[in-house]
Amino acid sequence: MASDRFIVEPLGEQHNRAAFRCSDHQITNYFRRHAFANLQIRIANAWIIRDRHTDLIVGFYTLSTASTDFGAIPEQFTANLPRYPVPVVLLGRMGVDRRYERQGFGTRLLIDALHCVYWQDVMAVFGMVVDPKAGVREFYTQFGFVPLTNDPQRLFLHLETFMDSRSAPPSL
């Protein structure tokens, strides 16, 4: 992946969402029909990786604000937390176009989302939560996501712990 060929940018009206085809029909449908609309009504922000050579959307992810109960946070992360809802960000949807699958773009999208959330200075965010679809849970657990204690289907990643294990933001 040459750094000058691929660019991460916010989803915009100018992007050709109709050309995006993920292996998961529900993700394709969401991206084509709802991602931009959700961005417009401010319930989810969407970022894409775009191939500058073809102008195709390689992949995307969406982020929304959320909170989770203190009791849902795994105990190893609760030492200094107050006993009320904890601010998190929800990684709502993420997908890679079929033409770009198995080339590391899913990892790039997730890492970009984590860096985006961690380095922003607008709001406090303790962690990231995701509701992984069947078959992709292992993708998230390899990055340190762990089950929430009150809903083991949902996964949680403590941002500080993740960032402490990483170096500088990756370049595409």
Protein backbone atom coordinates (compact mmCIF):
# COMPACT_ATOMS: atom_id res chain seq x y z
CA MET A 1 0.00 0.00 0.00
CA ALA A 2 1.79 3.07 -1.21
CA SER A 3 1.17 6.09 0.98
CA ASP A 4 0.46 8.36 -1.99
CA ARG A 5 -2.12 6.02 -3.55
CA PHE A 6 -4.58 5.72 -0.64
CA ILE A 7 -6.07 8.52 1.40
CA VAL A 8 -8.28 8.52 4.49
CA GLU A 9 -10.91 11.25 4.39
CA PRO A 10 -14.40 11.98 5.70
CA LEU A 11 -17.21 10.58 3.58
CA GLY A 12 -18.63 13.30 1.37
CA GLU A 13 -21.40 13.77 -1.15
CA GLN A 14 -18.84 13.57 -3.98
CA HIS A 15 -17.86 9.99 -3.16
CA ASN A 16 -19.34 7.20 -5.30
CA ARG A 17 -21.04 5.02 -2.69
CA ALA A 18 -22.91 3.04 -5.36
CA ALA A 19 -19.68 1.44 -6.60
CA PHE A 20 -18.84 0.03 -3.14
CA ARG A 21 -19.42 -3.73 -2.80
CA CYS A 22 -18.51 -5.51 0.40
CA SER A 23 -18.77 -9.29 0.80
CA ASP A 24 -21.41 -8.66 3.46
CA HIS A 25 -24.62 -7.50 1.77
CA GLN A 26 -25.87 -5.75 4.94
CA ILE A 27 -22.69 -3.66 5.17
CA THR A 28 -22.94 -2.77 1.47
CA ASN A 29 -26.58 -1.78 1.87
CA TYR A 30 -25.86 0.31 4.97
CA PHE A 31 -23.00 2.15 3.29
CA ARG A 32 -24.86 2.87 0.06
CA ARG A 33 -28.17 3.87 1.63
CA HIS A 34 -27.56 5.09 5.15
CA ALA A 35 -23.96 6.15 5.87
CA PHE A 36 -24.22 9.58 4.27
CA ALA A 37 -27.75 10.15 5.58
CA ASN A 38 -26.62 9.30 9.12
CA LEU A 39 -23.73 11.71 8.72
CA GLN A 40 -26.12 14.47 7.63
CA ILE A 41 -28.35 14.05 10.68
CA ARG A 42 -25.28 13.79 12.92
CA ILE A 43 -25.84 10.34 14.42
CA ALA A 44 -22.68 8.79 12.92
CA ASN A 45 -19.58 10.13 11.25
CA ALA A 46 -18.06 8.12 8.41
CA TRP A 47 -14.52 8.00 7.10
CA ILE A 48 -13.30 6.24 4.00
CA ILE A 49 -10.09 5.06 2.45
CA ARG A 50 -10.12 6.15 -1.18
CA ASP A 51 -7.91 4.80 -3.94
CA ARG A 52 -6.55 7.87 -5.70
CA HIS A 53 -5.74 5.87 -8.85
CA THR A 54 -9.29 4.58 -9.37
CA ASP A 55 -11.27 6.98 -7.15
CA LEU A 56 -12.95 3.90 -5.65
CA ILE A 57 -13.86 3.68 -2.00
CA VAL A 58 -11.62 0.95 -0.57
CA GLY A 59 -13.37 0.78 2.78
CA PHE A 60 -15.13 2.78 5.46
CA TYR A 61 -15.94 2.98 9.14
CA THR A 62 -18.48 4.87 11.21
CA LEU A 63 -18.17 6.31 14.70
CA SER A 64 -20.80 7.52 17.13
CA THR A 65 -20.72 8.71 20.69
CA ALA A 66 -22.03 6.32 23.30
CA SER A 67 -21.73 5.44 26.95
CA THR A 68 -21.70 2.19 28.84
CA ASP A 69 -22.47 1.37 32.44
CA PHE A 70 -19.53 1.39 34.82
CA GLY A 71 -20.34 -2.22 35.72
CA ALA A 72 -19.94 -3.30 32.08
CA ILE A 73 -16.30 -2.22 31.89
CA PRO A 74 -13.92 -5.14 32.55
CA GLU A 75 -12.51 -4.86 36.07
CA GLN A 76 -8.88 -4.46 34.98
CA PHE A 77 -9.78 -0.99 33.59
CA THR A 78 -11.98 0.40 36.39
CA ALA A 79 -9.46 1.32 39.10
CA ASN A 80 -9.72 5.11 38.69
CA LEU A 81 -13.18 5.37 37.15
CA PRO A 82 -16.11 7.09 38.82
CA ARG A 83 -19.14 4.87 39.36
CA TYR A 84 -21.34 6.31 36.61
CA PRO A 85 -21.74 5.79 32.84
CA VAL A 86 -18.42 5.78 31.02
CA PRO A 87 -17.98 7.69 27.72
CA VAL A 88 -17.06 5.44 24.83
CA VAL A 89 -17.18 5.62 21.07
CA LEU A 90 -19.13 3.06 19.07
CA LEU A 91 -17.51 1.64 15.97
CA GLY A 92 -20.87 1.16 14.29
CA ARG A 93 -20.01 -0.24 10.87
CA MET A 94 -16.84 -1.07 9.01
CA GLY A 95 -16.37 -2.69 5.62
CA VAL A 96 -13.88 -3.22 2.82
CA ASP A 97 -14.77 -3.36 -0.87
CA ARG A 98 -14.42 -6.85 -2.39
CA ARG A 99 -11.72 -5.65 -4.77
CA TYR A 100 -9.51 -4.70 -1.82
CA GLU A 101 -10.19 -7.55 0.61
CA ARG A 102 -7.35 -9.46 2.25
CA GLN A 103 -4.88 -6.63 1.69
CA GLY A 104 -4.78 -5.24 5.24
CA PHE A 105 -7.35 -2.49 4.78
CA GLY A 106 -9.57 -3.72 7.62
CA THR A 107 -6.64 -3.30 9.97
CA ARG A 108 -5.85 0.13 8.50
CA LEU A 109 -9.44 1.25 8.98
CA LEU A 110 -9.55 0.09 12.60
CA ILE A 111 -6.18 1.64 13.46
CA ASP A 112 -7.22 4.90 11.81
CA ALA A 113 -10.49 4.92 13.79
CA LEU A 114 -8.62 4.33 17.05
CA HIS A 115 -6.09 7.06 16.32
CA CYS A 116 -8.85 9.44 15.25
CA VAL A 117 -10.67 8.90 18.54
CA TYR A 118 -7.57 8.97 20.72
CA TRP A 119 -5.92 12.08 19.28
CA GLN A 120 -9.03 14.27 19.02
CA ASP A 121 -9.38 16.94 21.70
CA VAL A 122 -13.11 17.62 21.49
CA MET A 123 -14.49 15.03 23.90
CA ALA A 124 -13.33 12.58 26.52
CA VAL A 125 -13.48 8.96 25.40
CA PHE A 126 -12.40 6.07 27.63
CA GLY A 127 -12.71 3.26 25.10
CA MET A 128 -14.22 1.87 21.96
CA VAL A 129 -17.14 -0.55 21.76
CA VAL A 130 -18.04 -2.75 18.80
CA ASP A 131 -20.81 -5.26 18.11
CA PRO A 132 -18.93 -7.68 15.87
CA LYS A 133 -20.82 -9.73 13.35
CA ALA A 134 -20.42 -13.49 13.39
CA GLY A 135 -17.06 -14.53 12.01
CA VAL A 136 -15.18 -11.30 12.68
CA ARG A 137 -14.92 -11.35 16.48
CA GLU A 138 -11.36 -12.70 16.28
CA PHE A 139 -10.36 -9.74 14.11
CA TYR A 140 -11.14 -7.40 17.02
CA THR A 141 -9.79 -9.57 19.83
CA GLN A 142 -6.35 -9.64 18.17
CA PHE A 143 -6.16 -5.88 18.87
CA GLY A 144 -7.06 -6.30 22.55
CA PHE A 145 -10.85 -5.96 22.47
CA VAL A 146 -12.44 -7.88 25.35
CA PRO A 147 -16.09 -8.69 26.14
CA LEU A 148 -18.13 -6.23 28.19
CA THR A 149 -19.09 -7.87 31.48
CA ASN A 150 -22.83 -7.24 31.07
CA ASP A 151 -23.00 -8.13 27.36
CA PRO A 152 -20.30 -10.57 26.24
CA GLN A 153 -21.34 -10.20 22.59
CA ARG A 154 -20.16 -6.57 22.65
CA LEU A 155 -16.43 -5.96 22.72
CA PHE A 156 -14.54 -3.16 24.47
CA LEU A 157 -11.08 -1.71 23.95
CA HIS A 158 -9.49 0.59 26.52
CA LEU A 159 -7.92 3.34 24.40
CA GLU A 160 -5.04 4.18 26.71
CA THR A 161 -3.94 0.56 26.96
CA PHE A 162 -4.10 0.17 23.19
CA MET A 163 -2.20 3.38 22.49
CA ASP A 164 0.47 2.52 25.05
CA SER A 165 1.15 -0.61 23.00
CA ARG A 166 1.46 1.33 19.71
CA SER A 167 3.92 3.76 18.20
CA ALA A 168 3.23 6.65 15.85
CA PRO A 169 0.06 6.73 13.71
CA PRO A 170 0.36 4.57 10.59
CA SER A 171 0.57 6.14 7.16
CA LEU A 172 -1.47 4.79 4.31
